[in-house]
Amino acid sequence: MAALLQVGDTALSEDAVRERALGAVAEEIRIMLDEKVVAEAQDIDLCLILGAGWPFHLGGITPALDRLGVAEKVTGRRFLPPGVASMP
């Protein structure tokens, strides 16, 4: 049975919490790219791999968000061109 998180009067499933968190990350990455805080998505990937321990073999957060469809759902476009850092 999936655990539920109580937020006010709303109970959220683990999947809903995960979806909201990933959506917020995608939104923040898009803002950083649009405001030229970083030059390209790969800069964010490198920072998370080296600084936050993101698993190197997954290629970074931006390809993961692209593969999951979160980037397009939240920001309207992918972070990387199709085929870049894609996994079978």
PDB file of N, CA and C in Angstrom:
ATOM      1  N   MET A   1       0.843  -1.186   0.000  1.00  0.00           N
ATOM      2  CA  MET A   1       0.000   0.000   0.000  1.00  0.00           C
ATOM      3  C   MET A   1       0.885   1.245   0.000  1.00  0.00           C
ATOM      4  N   ALA A   2       0.606   2.167  -0.884  1.00  0.00           N
ATOM      5  CA  ALA A   2       1.402   3.385  -1.011  1.00  0.00           C
ATOM      6  C   ALA A   2       1.143   4.315   0.165  1.00  0.00           C
ATOM      7  N   ALA A   3       2.203   4.942   0.605  1.00  0.00           N
ATOM      8  CA  ALA A   3       2.093   5.906   1.700  1.00  0.00           C
ATOM      9  C   ALA A   3       1.463   7.196   1.168  1.00  0.00           C
ATOM     10  N   LEU A   4       0.758   7.885   2.028  1.00  0.00           N
ATOM     11  CA  LEU A   4       0.141   9.154   1.663  1.00  0.00           C
ATOM     12  C   LEU A   4       0.730  10.262   2.505  1.00  0.00           C
ATOM     13  N   LEU A   5       0.908  11.414   1.880  1.00  0.00           N
ATOM     14  CA  LEU A   5       1.395  12.600   2.565  1.00  0.00           C
ATOM     15  C   LEU A   5       0.214  13.545   2.710  1.00  0.00           C
ATOM     16  N   GLN A   6      -0.029  14.006   3.918  1.00  0.00           N
ATOM     17  CA  GLN A   6      -1.136  14.920   4.178  1.00  0.00           C
ATOM     18  C   GLN A   6      -0.657  16.356   3.970  1.00  0.00           C
ATOM     19  N   VAL A   7      -1.282  17.068   3.031  1.00  0.00           N
ATOM     20  CA  VAL A   7      -0.975  18.469   2.768  1.00  0.00           C
ATOM     21  C   VAL A   7      -2.277  19.229   2.932  1.00  0.00           C
ATOM     22  N   GLY A   8      -2.418  19.888   4.087  1.00  0.00           N
ATOM     23  CA  GLY A   8      -3.684  20.549   4.362  1.00  0.00           C
ATOM     24  C   GLY A   8      -4.788  19.525   4.439  1.00  0.00           C
ATOM     25  N   ASP A   9      -5.813  19.701   3.622  1.00  0.00           N
ATOM     26  CA  ASP A   9      -6.924  18.755   3.590  1.00  0.00           C
ATOM     27  C   ASP A   9      -6.760  17.713   2.480  1.00  0.00           C
ATOM     28  N   THR A  10      -5.616  17.731   1.801  1.00  0.00           N
ATOM     29  CA  THR A  10      -5.400  16.842   0.663  1.00  0.00           C
ATOM     30  C   THR A  10      -4.359  15.785   0.992  1.00  0.00           C
ATOM     31  N   ALA A  11      -4.669  14.553   0.692  1.00  0.00           N
ATOM     32  CA  ALA A  11      -3.710  13.459   0.855  1.00  0.00           C
ATOM     33  C   ALA A  11      -3.074  13.194  -0.503  1.00  0.00           C
ATOM     34  N   LEU A  12      -1.738  13.229  -0.564  1.00  0.00           N
ATOM     35  CA  LEU A  12      -1.020  12.995  -1.803  1.00  0.00           C
ATOM     36  C   LEU A  12      -0.295  11.660  -1.753  1.00  0.00           C
ATOM     37  N   SER A  13      -0.343  10.937  -2.845  1.00  0.00           N
ATOM     38  CA  SER A  13       0.392   9.684  -2.932  1.00  0.00           C
ATOM     39  C   SER A  13       1.876   9.973  -3.154  1.00  0.00           C
ATOM     40  N   GLU A  14       2.700   8.953  -2.998  1.00  0.00           N
ATOM     41  CA  GLU A  14       4.134   9.113  -3.248  1.00  0.00           C
ATOM     42  C   GLU A  14       4.370   9.581  -4.679  1.00  0.00           C
ATOM     43  N   ASP A  15       3.617   9.038  -5.619  1.00  0.00           N
ATOM     44  CA  ASP A  15       3.775   9.427  -7.023  1.00  0.00           C
ATOM     45  C   ASP A  15       3.424  10.896  -7.236  1.00  0.00           C
ATOM     46  N   ALA A  16       2.393  11.379  -6.571  1.00  0.00           N
ATOM     47  CA  ALA A  16       2.003  12.784  -6.710  1.00  0.00           C
ATOM     48  C   ALA A  16       3.068  13.699  -6.127  1.00  0.00           C
ATOM     49  N   VAL A  17       3.640  13.313  -5.002  1.00  0.00           N
ATOM     50  CA  VAL A  17       4.704  14.113  -4.382  1.00  0.00           C
ATOM     51  C   VAL A  17       5.917  14.147  -5.308  1.00  0.00           C
ATOM     52  N   ARG A  18       6.274  12.973  -5.846  1.00  0.00           N
ATOM     53  CA  ARG A  18       7.419  12.887  -6.766  1.00  0.00           C
ATOM     54  C   ARG A  18       7.176  13.751  -8.003  1.00  0.00           C
ATOM     55  N   GLU A  19       5.976  13.682  -8.558  1.00  0.00           N
ATOM     56  CA  GLU A  19       5.638  14.464  -9.748  1.00  0.00           C
ATOM     57  C   GLU A  19       5.745  15.966  -9.470  1.00  0.00           C
ATOM     58  N   ARG A  20       5.255  16.391  -8.333  1.00  0.00           N
ATOM     59  CA  ARG A  20       5.347  17.817  -7.967  1.00  0.00           C
ATOM     60  C   ARG A  20       6.789  18.257  -7.780  1.00  0.00           C
ATOM     61  N   ALA A  21       7.590  17.425  -7.123  1.00  0.00           N
ATOM     62  CA  ALA A  21       8.993  17.766  -6.882  1.00  0.00           C
ATOM     63  C   ALA A  21       9.766  17.857  -8.201  1.00  0.00           C
ATOM     64  N   LEU A  22       9.593  16.878  -9.071  1.00  0.00           N
ATOM     65  CA  LEU A  22      10.289  16.904 -10.357  1.00  0.00           C
ATOM     66  C   LEU A  22       9.817  18.075 -11.217  1.00  0.00           C
ATOM     67  N   GLY A  23       8.545  18.391 -11.139  1.00  0.00           N
ATOM     68  CA  GLY A  23       8.023  19.542 -11.869  1.00  0.00           C
ATOM     69  C   GLY A  23       8.645  20.842 -11.394  1.00  0.00           C
ATOM     70  N   ALA A  24       8.807  20.980 -10.087  1.00  0.00           N
ATOM     71  CA  ALA A  24       9.434  22.186  -9.531  1.00  0.00           C
ATOM     72  C   ALA A  24      10.895  22.288  -9.951  1.00  0.00           C
ATOM     73  N   VAL A  25      11.594  21.157  -9.984  1.00  0.00           N
ATOM     74  CA  VAL A  25      12.997  21.147 -10.424  1.00  0.00           C
ATOM     75  C   VAL A  25      13.071  21.557 -11.894  1.00  0.00           C
ATOM     76  N   ALA A  26      12.201  21.005 -12.726  1.00  0.00           N
ATOM     77  CA  ALA A  26      12.189  21.347 -14.151  1.00  0.00           C
ATOM     78  C   ALA A  26      11.916  22.833 -14.357  1.00  0.00           C
ATOM     79  N   GLU A  27      10.982  23.358 -13.594  1.00  0.00           N
ATOM     80  CA  GLU A  27      10.665  24.786 -13.683  1.00  0.00           C
ATOM     81  C   GLU A  27      11.878  25.647 -13.330  1.00  0.00           C
ATOM     82  N   GLU A  28      12.559  25.286 -12.258  1.00  0.00           N
ATOM     83  CA  GLU A  28      13.728  26.050 -11.820  1.00  0.00           C
ATOM     84  C   GLU A  28      14.866  25.968 -12.837  1.00  0.00           C
ATOM     85  N   ILE A  29      15.068  24.801 -13.407  1.00  0.00           N
ATOM     86  CA  ILE A  29      16.116  24.650 -14.433  1.00  0.00           C
ATOM     87  C   ILE A  29      15.787  25.522 -15.640  1.00  0.00           C
ATOM     88  N   ARG A  30      14.527  25.520 -16.063  1.00  0.00           N
ATOM     89  CA  ARG A  30      14.127  26.353 -17.208  1.00  0.00           C
ATOM     90  C   ARG A  30      14.375  27.824 -16.906  1.00  0.00           C
ATOM     91  N   ILE A  31      14.066  28.261 -15.690  1.00  0.00           N
ATOM     92  CA  ILE A  31      14.298  29.666 -15.310  1.00  0.00           C
ATOM     93  C   ILE A  31      15.791  29.983 -15.375  1.00  0.00           C
ATOM     94  N   MET A  32      16.631  29.095 -14.834  1.00  0.00           N
ATOM     95  CA  MET A  32      18.081  29.331 -14.861  1.00  0.00           C
ATOM     96  C   MET A  32      18.600  29.418 -16.293  1.00  0.00           C
ATOM     97  N   LEU A  33      18.080  28.589 -17.181  1.00  0.00           N
ATOM     98  CA  LEU A  33      18.515  28.628 -18.578  1.00  0.00           C
ATOM     99  C   LEU A  33      18.012  29.890 -19.277  1.00  0.00           C
ATOM    100  N   ASP A  34      16.749  30.226 -19.075  1.00  0.00           N
ATOM    101  CA  ASP A  34      16.165  31.403 -19.727  1.00  0.00           C
ATOM    102  C   ASP A  34      16.801  32.702 -19.252  1.00  0.00           C
ATOM    103  N   GLU A  35      17.179  32.756 -17.980  1.00  0.00           N
ATOM    104  CA  GLU A  35      17.789  33.967 -17.425  1.00  0.00           C
ATOM    105  C   GLU A  35      19.305  33.972 -17.569  1.00  0.00           C
ATOM    106  N   LYS A  36      19.838  32.974 -18.272  1.00  0.00           N
ATOM    107  CA  LYS A  36      21.274  32.867 -18.543  1.00  0.00           C
ATOM    108  C   LYS A  36      22.123  32.758 -17.280  1.00  0.00           C
ATOM    109  N   VAL A  37      21.563  32.169 -16.230  1.00  0.00           N
ATOM    110  CA  VAL A  37      22.324  31.888 -15.011  1.00  0.00           C
ATOM    111  C   VAL A  37      23.378  30.831 -15.315  1.00  0.00           C
ATOM    112  N   VAL A  38      23.021  29.889 -16.171  1.00  0.00           N
ATOM    113  CA  VAL A  38      23.947  28.880 -16.694  1.00  0.00           C
ATOM    114  C   VAL A  38      23.867  28.931 -18.216  1.00  0.00           C
ATOM    115  N   ALA A  39      24.957  28.510 -18.864  1.00  0.00           N
ATOM    116  CA  ALA A  39      25.004  28.580 -20.326  1.00  0.00           C
ATOM    117  C   ALA A  39      24.169  27.500 -20.993  1.00  0.00           C
ATOM    118  N   GLU A  40      24.192  26.290 -20.438  1.00  0.00           N
ATOM    119  CA  GLU A  40      23.444  25.198 -21.051  1.00  0.00           C
ATOM    120  C   GLU A  40      23.066  24.156 -20.012  1.00  0.00           C
ATOM    121  N   ALA A  41      22.145  23.305 -20.384  1.00  0.00           N
ATOM    122  CA  ALA A  41      21.606  22.300 -19.463  1.00  0.00           C
ATOM    123  C   ALA A  41      22.696  21.389 -18.906  1.00  0.00           C
ATOM    124  N   GLN A  42      23.704  21.085 -19.713  1.00  0.00           N
ATOM    125  CA  GLN A  42      24.770  20.203 -19.265  1.00  0.00           C
ATOM    126  C   GLN A  42      25.538  20.777 -18.079  1.00  0.00           C
ATOM    127  N   ASP A  43      25.558  22.103 -17.928  1.00  0.00           N
ATOM    128  CA  ASP A  43      26.204  22.722 -16.763  1.00  0.00           C
ATOM    129  C   ASP A  43      25.477  22.337 -15.474  1.00  0.00           C
ATOM    130  N   ILE A  44      24.173  22.295 -15.538  1.00  0.00           N
ATOM    131  CA  ILE A  44      23.375  21.890 -14.380  1.00  0.00           C
ATOM    132  C   ILE A  44      23.603  20.419 -14.082  1.00  0.00           C
ATOM    133  N   ASP A  45      23.646  19.611 -15.137  1.00  0.00           N
ATOM    134  CA  ASP A  45      23.905  18.175 -14.957  1.00  0.00           C
ATOM    135  C   ASP A  45      25.248  17.955 -14.268  1.00  0.00           C
ATOM    136  N   LEU A  46      26.277  18.638 -14.726  1.00  0.00           N
ATOM    137  CA  LEU A  46      27.609  18.489 -14.144  1.00  0.00           C
ATOM    138  C   LEU A  46      27.623  18.894 -12.672  1.00  0.00           C
ATOM    139  N   CYS A  47      26.961  19.992 -12.349  1.00  0.00           N
ATOM    140  CA  CYS A  47      26.897  20.433 -10.945  1.00  0.00           C
ATOM    141  C   CYS A  47      26.209  19.397 -10.062  1.00  0.00           C
ATOM    142  N   LEU A  48      25.129  18.809 -10.549  1.00  0.00           N
ATOM    143  CA  LEU A  48      24.429  17.819  -9.742  1.00  0.00           C
ATOM    144  C   LEU A  48      25.213  16.516  -9.626  1.00  0.00           C
ATOM    145  N   ILE A  49      25.936  16.152 -10.678  1.00  0.00           N
ATOM    146  CA  ILE A  49      26.754  14.936 -10.616  1.00  0.00           C
ATOM    147  C   ILE A  49      27.910  15.132  -9.642  1.00  0.00           C
ATOM    148  N   LEU A  50      28.631  16.246  -9.770  1.00  0.00           N
ATOM    149  CA  LEU A  50      29.812  16.473  -8.936  1.00  0.00           C
ATOM    150  C   LEU A  50      29.472  16.983  -7.538  1.00  0.00           C
ATOM    151  N   GLY A  51      28.435  17.791  -7.434  1.00  0.00           N
ATOM    152  CA  GLY A  51      28.151  18.421  -6.157  1.00  0.00           C
ATOM    153  C   GLY A  51      27.073  17.765  -5.316  1.00  0.00           C
ATOM    154  N   ALA A  52      26.117  17.123  -5.964  1.00  0.00           N
ATOM    155  CA  ALA A  52      24.994  16.568  -5.210  1.00  0.00           C
ATOM    156  C   ALA A  52      24.938  15.048  -5.264  1.00  0.00           C
ATOM    157  N   GLY A  53      25.874  14.439  -5.991  1.00  0.00           N
ATOM    158  CA  GLY A  53      25.912  12.988  -6.032  1.00  0.00           C
ATOM    159  C   GLY A  53      24.900  12.351  -6.966  1.00  0.00           C
ATOM    160  N   TRP A  54      24.412  13.106  -7.958  1.00  0.00           N
ATOM    161  CA  TRP A  54      23.500  12.504  -8.941  1.00  0.00           C
ATOM    162  C   TRP A  54      24.248  11.360  -9.612  1.00  0.00           C
ATOM    163  N   PRO A  55      23.616  10.217  -9.816  1.00  0.00           N
ATOM    164  CA  PRO A  55      24.305   9.069 -10.418  1.00  0.00           C
ATOM    165  C   PRO A  55      24.830   9.381 -11.823  1.00  0.00           C
ATOM    166  N   PHE A  56      26.132   9.298 -11.986  1.00  0.00           N
ATOM    167  CA  PHE A  56      26.789   9.618 -13.256  1.00  0.00           C
ATOM    168  C   PHE A  56      26.208   8.817 -14.415  1.00  0.00           C
ATOM    169  N   HIS A  57      25.931   7.548 -14.182  1.00  0.00           N
ATOM    170  CA  HIS A  57      25.454   6.681 -15.266  1.00  0.00           C
ATOM    171  C   HIS A  57      24.066   7.064 -15.785  1.00  0.00           C
ATOM    172  N   LEU A  58      23.353   7.925 -15.063  1.00  0.00           N
ATOM    173  CA  LEU A  58      22.038   8.373 -15.532  1.00  0.00           C
ATOM    174  C   LEU A  58      22.140   9.595 -16.444  1.00  0.00           C
ATOM    175  N   GLY A  59      23.340  10.184 -16.522  1.00  0.00           N
ATOM    176  CA  GLY A  59      23.565  11.268 -17.475  1.00  0.00           C
ATOM    177  C   GLY A  59      23.205  12.659 -17.008  1.00  0.00           C
ATOM    178  N   GLY A  60      22.604  12.809 -15.873  1.00  0.00           N
ATOM    179  CA  GLY A  60      22.233  14.137 -15.386  1.00  0.00           C
ATOM    180  C   GLY A  60      20.735  14.276 -15.198  1.00  0.00           C
ATOM    181  N   ILE A  61      20.352  15.344 -14.543  1.00  0.00           N
ATOM    182  CA  ILE A  61      18.939  15.578 -14.246  1.00  0.00           C
ATOM    183  C   ILE A  61      18.163  15.998 -15.498  1.00  0.00           C
ATOM    184  N   THR A  62      18.786  16.787 -16.389  1.00  0.00           N
ATOM    185  CA  THR A  62      18.023  17.266 -17.541  1.00  0.00           C
ATOM    186  C   THR A  62      17.656  16.151 -18.514  1.00  0.00           C
ATOM    187  N   PRO A  63      18.555  15.199 -18.828  1.00  0.00           N
ATOM    188  CA  PRO A  63      18.098  14.104 -19.680  1.00  0.00           C
ATOM    189  C   PRO A  63      17.055  13.232 -18.989  1.00  0.00           C
ATOM    190  N   ALA A  64      17.175  13.095 -17.668  1.00  0.00           N
ATOM    191  CA  ALA A  64      16.179  12.312 -16.928  1.00  0.00           C
ATOM    192  C   ALA A  64      14.807  12.980 -17.024  1.00  0.00           C
ATOM    193  N   LEU A  65      14.763  14.295 -16.858  1.00  0.00           N
ATOM    194  CA  LEU A  65      13.492  15.014 -16.964  1.00  0.00           C
ATOM    195  C   LEU A  65      12.940  14.955 -18.385  1.00  0.00           C
ATOM    196  N   ASP A  66      13.835  14.960 -19.378  1.00  0.00           N
ATOM    197  CA  ASP A  66      13.389  14.805 -20.769  1.00  0.00           C
ATOM    198  C   ASP A  66      12.806  13.417 -20.992  1.00  0.00           C
ATOM    199  N   ARG A  67      13.516  12.382 -20.519  1.00  0.00           N
ATOM    200  CA  ARG A  67      13.052  11.006 -20.722  1.00  0.00           C
ATOM    201  C   ARG A  67      11.706  10.747 -20.052  1.00  0.00           C
ATOM    202  N   LEU A  68      11.511  11.337 -18.871  1.00  0.00           N
ATOM    203  CA  LEU A  68      10.266  11.142 -18.132  1.00  0.00           C
ATOM    204  C   LEU A  68       9.115  11.980 -18.684  1.00  0.00           C
ATOM    205  N   GLY A  69       9.428  12.923 -19.560  1.00  0.00           N
ATOM    206  CA  GLY A  69       8.398  13.793 -20.124  1.00  0.00           C
ATOM    207  C   GLY A  69       8.045  14.969 -19.226  1.00  0.00           C
ATOM    208  N   VAL A  70       8.749  15.111 -18.116  1.00  0.00           N
ATOM    209  CA  VAL A  70       8.456  16.187 -17.163  1.00  0.00           C
ATOM    210  C   VAL A  70       8.818  17.545 -17.761  1.00  0.00           C
ATOM    211  N   ALA A  71       9.947  17.627 -18.451  1.00  0.00           N
ATOM    212  CA  ALA A  71      10.391  18.910 -19.015  1.00  0.00           C
ATOM    213  C   ALA A  71       9.342  19.481 -19.957  1.00  0.00           C
ATOM    214  N   GLU A  72       8.860  18.657 -20.876  1.00  0.00           N
ATOM    215  CA  GLU A  72       7.867  19.139 -21.840  1.00  0.00           C
ATOM    216  C   GLU A  72       6.533  19.445 -21.169  1.00  0.00           C
ATOM    217  N   LYS A  73       6.156  18.637 -20.208  1.00  0.00           N
ATOM    218  CA  LYS A  73       4.874  18.845 -19.522  1.00  0.00           C
ATOM    219  C   LYS A  73       4.869  20.168 -18.755  1.00  0.00           C
ATOM    220  N   VAL A  74       5.977  20.447 -18.080  1.00  0.00           N
ATOM    221  CA  VAL A  74       6.030  21.629 -17.210  1.00  0.00           C
ATOM    222  C   VAL A  74       6.470  22.886 -17.956  1.00  0.00           C
ATOM    223  N   THR A  75       7.476  22.764 -18.831  1.00  0.00           N
ATOM    224  CA  THR A  75       8.047  23.955 -19.460  1.00  0.00           C
ATOM    225  C   THR A  75       7.689  24.109 -20.932  1.00  0.00           C
ATOM    226  N   GLY A  76       7.075  23.065 -21.513  1.00  0.00           N
ATOM    227  CA  GLY A  76       6.673  23.152 -22.908  1.00  0.00           C
ATOM    228  C   GLY A  76       7.733  22.731 -23.903  1.00  0.00           C
ATOM    229  N   ARG A  77       8.933  22.423 -23.420  1.00  0.00           N
ATOM    230  CA  ARG A  77       9.984  21.958 -24.329  1.00  0.00           C
ATOM    231  C   ARG A  77      11.028  21.147 -23.576  1.00  0.00           C
ATOM    232  N   ARG A  78      11.796  20.382 -24.334  1.00  0.00           N
ATOM    233  CA  ARG A  78      12.856  19.564 -23.762  1.00  0.00           C
ATOM    234  C   ARG A  78      14.047  20.452 -23.389  1.00  0.00           C
ATOM    235  N   PHE A  79      14.909  19.933 -22.531  1.00  0.00           N
ATOM    236  CA  PHE A  79      16.147  20.630 -22.197  1.00  0.00           C
ATOM    237  C   PHE A  79      17.233  20.331 -23.220  1.00  0.00           C
ATOM    238  N   LEU A  80      17.220  19.123 -23.772  1.00  0.00           N
ATOM    239  CA  LEU A  80      18.247  18.670 -24.711  1.00  0.00           C
ATOM    240  C   LEU A  80      17.582  18.212 -25.997  1.00  0.00           C
ATOM    241  N   PRO A  81      18.319  18.253 -27.127  1.00  0.00           N
ATOM    242  CA  PRO A  81      17.749  17.745 -28.381  1.00  0.00           C
ATOM    243  C   PRO A  81      17.408  16.262 -28.262  1.00  0.00           C
ATOM    244  N   PRO A  82      16.399  15.795 -28.983  1.00  0.00           N
ATOM    245  CA  PRO A  82      16.060  14.373 -28.954  1.00  0.00           C
ATOM    246  C   PRO A  82      17.285  13.512 -29.290  1.00  0.00           C
ATOM    247  N   GLY A  83      17.473  12.445 -28.534  1.00  0.00           N
ATOM    248  CA  GLY A  83      18.594  11.543 -28.758  1.00  0.00           C
ATOM    249  C   GLY A  83      19.801  11.825 -27.900  1.00  0.00           C
ATOM    250  N   VAL A  84      19.899  13.019 -27.344  1.00  0.00           N
ATOM    251  CA  VAL A  84      21.028  13.355 -26.488  1.00  0.00           C
ATOM    252  C   VAL A  84      20.801  12.720 -25.117  1.00  0.00           C
ATOM    253  N   ALA A  85      21.747  11.914 -24.693  1.00  0.00           N
ATOM    254  CA  ALA A  85      21.712  11.244 -23.384  1.00  0.00           C
ATOM    255  C   ALA A  85      20.474  10.383 -23.213  1.00  0.00           C
ATOM    256  N   SER A  86      19.937   9.885 -24.315  1.00  0.00           N
ATOM    257  CA  SER A  86      18.781   9.001 -24.192  1.00  0.00           C
ATOM    258  C   SER A  86      19.247   7.598 -23.815  1.00  0.00           C
ATOM    259  N   MET A  87      18.374   6.856 -23.201  1.00  0.00           N
ATOM    260  CA  MET A  87      18.682   5.492 -22.773  1.00  0.00           C
ATOM    261  C   MET A  87      17.630   4.569 -23.379  1.00  0.00           C
ATOM    262  N   PRO A  88      18.023   3.325 -23.647  1.00  0.00           N
ATOM    263  CA  PRO A  88      17.032   2.384 -24.205  1.00  0.00           C
ATOM    264  C   PRO A  88      15.900   2.101 -23.237  1.00  0.00           C
TER     265      PRO A  88
END
